[in-house]
Amino acid sequence: MNKGLNVVLVNPATTKRNKENRDNSPSKSDPKDALVIADIVCRGYYYDTLDRQACSKGCVR
């Protein structure tokens, strides 16, 4: 289903470093994690995913 959202991959090591640099607090919470991941994506530190249907129609492996 295409809902107009892009799915990207974020490196967990980048997420951990960004979280440590943000406030140096070991606390974990969903809102904090979401903010850290959104910041990483906003800065462009992510990988695009492959569209498997498009790939099956002509990608070379």
PDB file of N, CA and C in Angstrom:
ATOM      1  N   MET A   1       0.834  -1.174   0.000  1.00  0.00           N
ATOM      2  CA  MET A   1       0.000   0.000   0.000  1.00  0.00           C
ATOM      3  C   MET A   1       0.885   1.246   0.000  1.00  0.00           C
ATOM      4  N   ASN A   2       0.586   2.134  -0.899  1.00  0.00           N
ATOM      5  CA  ASN A   2       1.334   3.377  -0.962  1.00  0.00           C
ATOM      6  C   ASN A   2       0.501   4.484  -0.331  1.00  0.00           C
ATOM      7  N   LYS A   3       0.948   4.964   0.802  1.00  0.00           N
ATOM      8  CA  LYS A   3       0.242   6.025   1.519  1.00  0.00           C
ATOM      9  C   LYS A   3       0.977   7.354   1.420  1.00  0.00           C
ATOM     10  N   GLY A   4       1.945   7.442   0.489  1.00  0.00           N
ATOM     11  CA  GLY A   4       2.690   8.677   0.326  1.00  0.00           C
ATOM     12  C   GLY A   4       3.785   8.875   1.358  1.00  0.00           C
ATOM     13  N   LEU A   5       4.161   7.825   2.062  1.00  0.00           N
ATOM     14  CA  LEU A   5       5.226   7.905   3.053  1.00  0.00           C
ATOM     15  C   LEU A   5       6.466   7.216   2.518  1.00  0.00           C
ATOM     16  N   ASN A   6       7.627   7.777   2.805  1.00  0.00           N
ATOM     17  CA  ASN A   6       8.879   7.150   2.417  1.00  0.00           C
ATOM     18  C   ASN A   6       9.445   6.390   3.602  1.00  0.00           C
ATOM     19  N   VAL A   7       9.915   5.181   3.351  1.00  0.00           N
ATOM     20  CA  VAL A   7      10.542   4.368   4.382  1.00  0.00           C
ATOM     21  C   VAL A   7      12.043   4.448   4.172  1.00  0.00           C
ATOM     22  N   VAL A   8      12.772   4.764   5.245  1.00  0.00           N
ATOM     23  CA  VAL A   8      14.224   4.861   5.169  1.00  0.00           C
ATOM     24  C   VAL A   8      14.835   4.033   6.283  1.00  0.00           C
ATOM     25  N   LEU A   9      16.111   3.721   6.137  1.00  0.00           N
ATOM     26  CA  LEU A   9      16.848   2.963   7.145  1.00  0.00           C
ATOM     27  C   LEU A   9      17.804   3.904   7.862  1.00  0.00           C
ATOM     28  N   VAL A  10      17.841   3.804   9.181  1.00  0.00           N
ATOM     29  CA  VAL A  10      18.735   4.622   9.991  1.00  0.00           C
ATOM     30  C   VAL A  10      19.690   3.690  10.731  1.00  0.00           C
ATOM     31  N   ASN A  11      20.973   4.001  10.667  1.00  0.00           N
ATOM     32  CA  ASN A  11      21.989   3.193  11.326  1.00  0.00           C
ATOM     33  C   ASN A  11      21.829   3.300  12.847  1.00  0.00           C
ATOM     34  N   PRO A  12      21.715   2.177  13.560  1.00  0.00           N
ATOM     35  CA  PRO A  12      21.558   2.225  15.020  1.00  0.00           C
ATOM     36  C   PRO A  12      22.741   2.894  15.728  1.00  0.00           C
ATOM     37  N   ALA A  13      23.956   2.739  15.195  1.00  0.00           N
ATOM     38  CA  ALA A  13      25.122   3.380  15.811  1.00  0.00           C
ATOM     39  C   ALA A  13      25.015   4.902  15.711  1.00  0.00           C
ATOM     40  N   THR A  14      24.516   5.397  14.591  1.00  0.00           N
ATOM     41  CA  THR A  14      24.307   6.834  14.427  1.00  0.00           C
ATOM     42  C   THR A  14      23.257   7.322  15.415  1.00  0.00           C
ATOM     43  N   THR A  15      22.209   6.539  15.592  1.00  0.00           N
ATOM     44  CA  THR A  15      21.155   6.899  16.536  1.00  0.00           C
ATOM     45  C   THR A  15      21.707   6.971  17.959  1.00  0.00           C
ATOM     46  N   LYS A  16      22.510   6.001  18.328  1.00  0.00           N
ATOM     47  CA  LYS A  16      23.084   5.981  19.674  1.00  0.00           C
ATOM     48  C   LYS A  16      23.988   7.188  19.910  1.00  0.00           C
ATOM     49  N   ARG A  17      24.867   7.490  18.946  1.00  0.00           N
ATOM     50  CA  ARG A  17      25.760   8.647  19.082  1.00  0.00           C
ATOM     51  C   ARG A  17      24.972   9.949  19.173  1.00  0.00           C
ATOM     52  N   ASN A  18      23.943  10.082  18.330  1.00  0.00           N
ATOM     53  CA  ASN A  18      23.140  11.298  18.336  1.00  0.00           C
ATOM     54  C   ASN A  18      22.426  11.461  19.671  1.00  0.00           C
ATOM     55  N   LYS A  19      21.914  10.354  20.217  1.00  0.00           N
ATOM     56  CA  LYS A  19      21.209  10.404  21.508  1.00  0.00           C
ATOM     57  C   LYS A  19      22.167  10.828  22.619  1.00  0.00           C
ATOM     58  N   GLU A  20      23.389  10.273  22.603  1.00  0.00           N
ATOM     59  CA  GLU A  20      24.381  10.624  23.618  1.00  0.00           C
ATOM     60  C   GLU A  20      24.777  12.094  23.521  1.00  0.00           C
ATOM     61  N   ASN A  21      24.940  12.593  22.308  1.00  0.00           N
ATOM     62  CA  ASN A  21      25.337  13.986  22.117  1.00  0.00           C
ATOM     63  C   ASN A  21      24.220  14.957  22.461  1.00  0.00           C
ATOM     64  N   ARG A  22      22.986  14.512  22.324  1.00  0.00           N
ATOM     65  CA  ARG A  22      21.841  15.410  22.539  1.00  0.00           C
ATOM     66  C   ARG A  22      21.714  15.836  23.999  1.00  0.00           C
ATOM     67  N   ASP A  23      21.780  14.890  24.929  1.00  0.00           N
ATOM     68  CA  ASP A  23      21.604  15.288  26.329  1.00  0.00           C
ATOM     69  C   ASP A  23      22.436  14.474  27.319  1.00  0.00           C
ATOM     70  N   ASN A  24      23.215  13.527  26.837  1.00  0.00           N
ATOM     71  CA  ASN A  24      24.091  12.715  27.686  1.00  0.00           C
ATOM     72  C   ASN A  24      23.330  12.057  28.838  1.00  0.00           C
ATOM     73  N   SER A  25      22.103  11.683  28.580  1.00  0.00           N
ATOM     74  CA  SER A  25      21.267  11.038  29.588  1.00  0.00           C
ATOM     75  C   SER A  25      20.966   9.608  29.140  1.00  0.00           C
ATOM     76  N   PRO A  26      21.086   8.640  30.046  1.00  0.00           N
ATOM     77  CA  PRO A  26      20.802   7.252  29.671  1.00  0.00           C
ATOM     78  C   PRO A  26      19.310   6.936  29.574  1.00  0.00           C
ATOM     79  N   SER A  27      18.458   7.905  29.888  1.00  0.00           N
ATOM     80  CA  SER A  27      17.013   7.638  29.874  1.00  0.00           C
ATOM     81  C   SER A  27      16.531   7.315  28.466  1.00  0.00           C
ATOM     82  N   LYS A  28      15.513   6.468  28.418  1.00  0.00           N
ATOM     83  CA  LYS A  28      14.912   6.091  27.145  1.00  0.00           C
ATOM     84  C   LYS A  28      13.421   6.352  27.213  1.00  0.00           C
ATOM     85  N   SER A  29      12.909   6.923  26.133  1.00  0.00           N
ATOM     86  CA  SER A  29      11.466   7.103  26.031  1.00  0.00           C
ATOM     87  C   SER A  29      11.116   7.157  24.554  1.00  0.00           C
ATOM     88  N   ASP A  30       9.899   6.763  24.225  1.00  0.00           N
ATOM     89  CA  ASP A  30       9.485   6.780  22.825  1.00  0.00           C
ATOM     90  C   ASP A  30       9.532   8.176  22.222  1.00  0.00           C
ATOM     91  N   PRO A  31       9.052   9.220  22.912  1.00  0.00           N
ATOM     92  CA  PRO A  31       9.130  10.566  22.324  1.00  0.00           C
ATOM     93  C   PRO A  31      10.575  11.015  22.084  1.00  0.00           C
ATOM     94  N   LYS A  32      11.462  10.697  23.028  1.00  0.00           N
ATOM     95  CA  LYS A  32      12.871  11.073  22.869  1.00  0.00           C
ATOM     96  C   LYS A  32      13.490  10.317  21.692  1.00  0.00           C
ATOM     97  N   ASP A  33      13.224   9.022  21.604  1.00  0.00           N
ATOM     98  CA  ASP A  33      13.759   8.219  20.501  1.00  0.00           C
ATOM     99  C   ASP A  33      13.246   8.723  19.158  1.00  0.00           C
ATOM    100  N   ALA A  34      11.970   9.067  19.091  1.00  0.00           N
ATOM    101  CA  ALA A  34      11.392   9.580  17.848  1.00  0.00           C
ATOM    102  C   ALA A  34      12.052  10.893  17.441  1.00  0.00           C
ATOM    103  N   LEU A  35      12.321  11.764  18.410  1.00  0.00           N
ATOM    104  CA  LEU A  35      12.973  13.038  18.122  1.00  0.00           C
ATOM    105  C   LEU A  35      14.386  12.825  17.601  1.00  0.00           C
ATOM    106  N   VAL A  36      15.111  11.904  18.211  1.00  0.00           N
ATOM    107  CA  VAL A  36      16.479  11.608  17.777  1.00  0.00           C
ATOM    108  C   VAL A  36      16.472  11.067  16.345  1.00  0.00           C
ATOM    109  N   ILE A  37      15.592  10.135  16.045  1.00  0.00           N
ATOM    110  CA  ILE A  37      15.522   9.551  14.702  1.00  0.00           C
ATOM    111  C   ILE A  37      15.081  10.590  13.681  1.00  0.00           C
ATOM    112  N   ALA A  38      14.111  11.420  14.035  1.00  0.00           N
ATOM    113  CA  ALA A  38      13.664  12.476  13.123  1.00  0.00           C
ATOM    114  C   ALA A  38      14.791  13.455  12.830  1.00  0.00           C
ATOM    115  N   ASP A  39      15.590  13.779  13.823  1.00  0.00           N
ATOM    116  CA  ASP A  39      16.726  14.680  13.629  1.00  0.00           C
ATOM    117  C   ASP A  39      17.747  14.073  12.673  1.00  0.00           C
ATOM    118  N   ILE A  40      18.019  12.792  12.830  1.00  0.00           N
ATOM    119  CA  ILE A  40      18.979  12.107  11.962  1.00  0.00           C
ATOM    120  C   ILE A  40      18.487  12.124  10.515  1.00  0.00           C
ATOM    121  N   VAL A  41      17.216  11.807  10.306  1.00  0.00           N
ATOM    122  CA  VAL A  41      16.648  11.786   8.954  1.00  0.00           C
ATOM    123  C   VAL A  41      16.649  13.191   8.364  1.00  0.00           C
ATOM    124  N   CYS A  42      16.312  14.182   9.180  1.00  0.00           N
ATOM    125  CA  CYS A  42      16.277  15.571   8.718  1.00  0.00           C
ATOM    126  C   CYS A  42      17.661  16.025   8.245  1.00  0.00           C
ATOM    127  N   ARG A  43      18.704  15.532   8.885  1.00  0.00           N
ATOM    128  CA  ARG A  43      20.079  15.892   8.515  1.00  0.00           C
ATOM    129  C   ARG A  43      20.593  15.071   7.328  1.00  0.00           C
ATOM    130  N   GLY A  44      19.829  14.070   6.903  1.00  0.00           N
ATOM    131  CA  GLY A  44      20.198  13.291   5.725  1.00  0.00           C
ATOM    132  C   GLY A  44      21.045  12.062   5.988  1.00  0.00           C
ATOM    133  N   TYR A  45      21.172  11.656   7.257  1.00  0.00           N
ATOM    134  CA  TYR A  45      21.965  10.478   7.597  1.00  0.00           C
ATOM    135  C   TYR A  45      21.096   9.229   7.610  1.00  0.00           C
ATOM    136  N   TYR A  46      20.675   8.796   6.451  1.00  0.00           N
ATOM    137  CA  TYR A  46      19.839   7.605   6.332  1.00  0.00           C
ATOM    138  C   TYR A  46      20.091   6.948   4.981  1.00  0.00           C
ATOM    139  N   TYR A  47      19.570   5.745   4.825  1.00  0.00           N
ATOM    140  CA  TYR A  47      19.670   5.004   3.573  1.00  0.00           C
ATOM    141  C   TYR A  47      18.268   4.816   3.018  1.00  0.00           C
ATOM    142  N   ASP A  48      18.124   4.983   1.721  1.00  0.00           N
ATOM    143  CA  ASP A  48      16.840   4.703   1.085  1.00  0.00           C
ATOM    144  C   ASP A  48      16.640   3.201   0.994  1.00  0.00           C
ATOM    145  N   THR A  49      15.397   2.771   1.045  1.00  0.00           N
ATOM    146  CA  THR A  49      15.086   1.353   0.894  1.00  0.00           C
ATOM    147  C   THR A  49      14.836   1.043  -0.575  1.00  0.00           C
ATOM    148  N   LEU A  50      14.963  -0.212  -0.927  1.00  0.00           N
ATOM    149  CA  LEU A  50      14.663  -0.652  -2.284  1.00  0.00           C
ATOM    150  C   LEU A  50      13.190  -1.004  -2.391  1.00  0.00           C
ATOM    151  N   ASP A  51      12.604  -0.613  -3.491  1.00  0.00           N
ATOM    152  CA  ASP A  51      11.232  -1.012  -3.785  1.00  0.00           C
ATOM    153  C   ASP A  51      11.326  -2.392  -4.433  1.00  0.00           C
ATOM    154  N   ARG A  52      10.925  -3.424  -3.725  1.00  0.00           N
ATOM    155  CA  ARG A  52      11.100  -4.798  -4.224  1.00  0.00           C
ATOM    156  C   ARG A  52      10.326  -5.047  -5.513  1.00  0.00           C
ATOM    157  N   GLN A  53       9.161  -4.450  -5.689  1.00  0.00           N
ATOM    158  CA  GLN A  53       8.409  -4.644  -6.925  1.00  0.00           C
ATOM    159  C   GLN A  53       9.151  -4.022  -8.102  1.00  0.00           C
ATOM    160  N   ALA A  54       9.671  -2.821  -7.928  1.00  0.00           N
ATOM    161  CA  ALA A  54      10.439  -2.166  -8.993  1.00  0.00           C
ATOM    162  C   ALA A  54      11.702  -2.950  -9.275  1.00  0.00           C
ATOM    163  N   CYS A  55      12.317  -3.481  -8.228  1.00  0.00           N
ATOM    164  CA  CYS A  55      13.555  -4.237  -8.385  1.00  0.00           C
ATOM    165  C   CYS A  55      13.325  -5.514  -9.186  1.00  0.00           C
ATOM    166  N   SER A  56      12.219  -6.179  -8.951  1.00  0.00           N
ATOM    167  CA  SER A  56      11.957  -7.433  -9.660  1.00  0.00           C
ATOM    168  C   SER A  56      11.705  -7.194 -11.150  1.00  0.00           C
ATOM    169  N   LYS A  57      11.444  -5.945 -11.530  1.00  0.00           N
ATOM    170  CA  LYS A  57      11.176  -5.622 -12.926  1.00  0.00           C
ATOM    171  C   LYS A  57      12.406  -5.177 -13.692  1.00  0.00           C
ATOM    172  N   GLY A  58      13.585  -5.193 -13.048  1.00  0.00           N
ATOM    173  CA  GLY A  58      14.737  -4.795 -13.834  1.00  0.00           C
ATOM    174  C   GLY A  58      16.012  -4.478 -13.082  1.00  0.00           C
ATOM    175  N   CYS A  59      16.070  -4.697 -11.780  1.00  0.00           N
ATOM    176  CA  CYS A  59      17.297  -4.442 -11.050  1.00  0.00           C
ATOM    177  C   CYS A  59      18.290  -5.569 -11.314  1.00  0.00           C
ATOM    178  N   VAL A  60      19.539  -5.206 -11.381  1.00  0.00           N
ATOM    179  CA  VAL A  60      20.598  -6.197 -11.549  1.00  0.00           C
ATOM    180  C   VAL A  60      21.244  -6.425 -10.188  1.00  0.00           C
ATOM    181  N   ARG A  61      21.397  -7.672  -9.841  1.00  0.00           N
ATOM    182  CA  ARG A  61      22.045  -8.000  -8.552  1.00  0.00           C
ATOM    183  C   ARG A  61      23.417  -8.514  -8.774  1.00  0.00           C
TER     184      ARG A  61
END
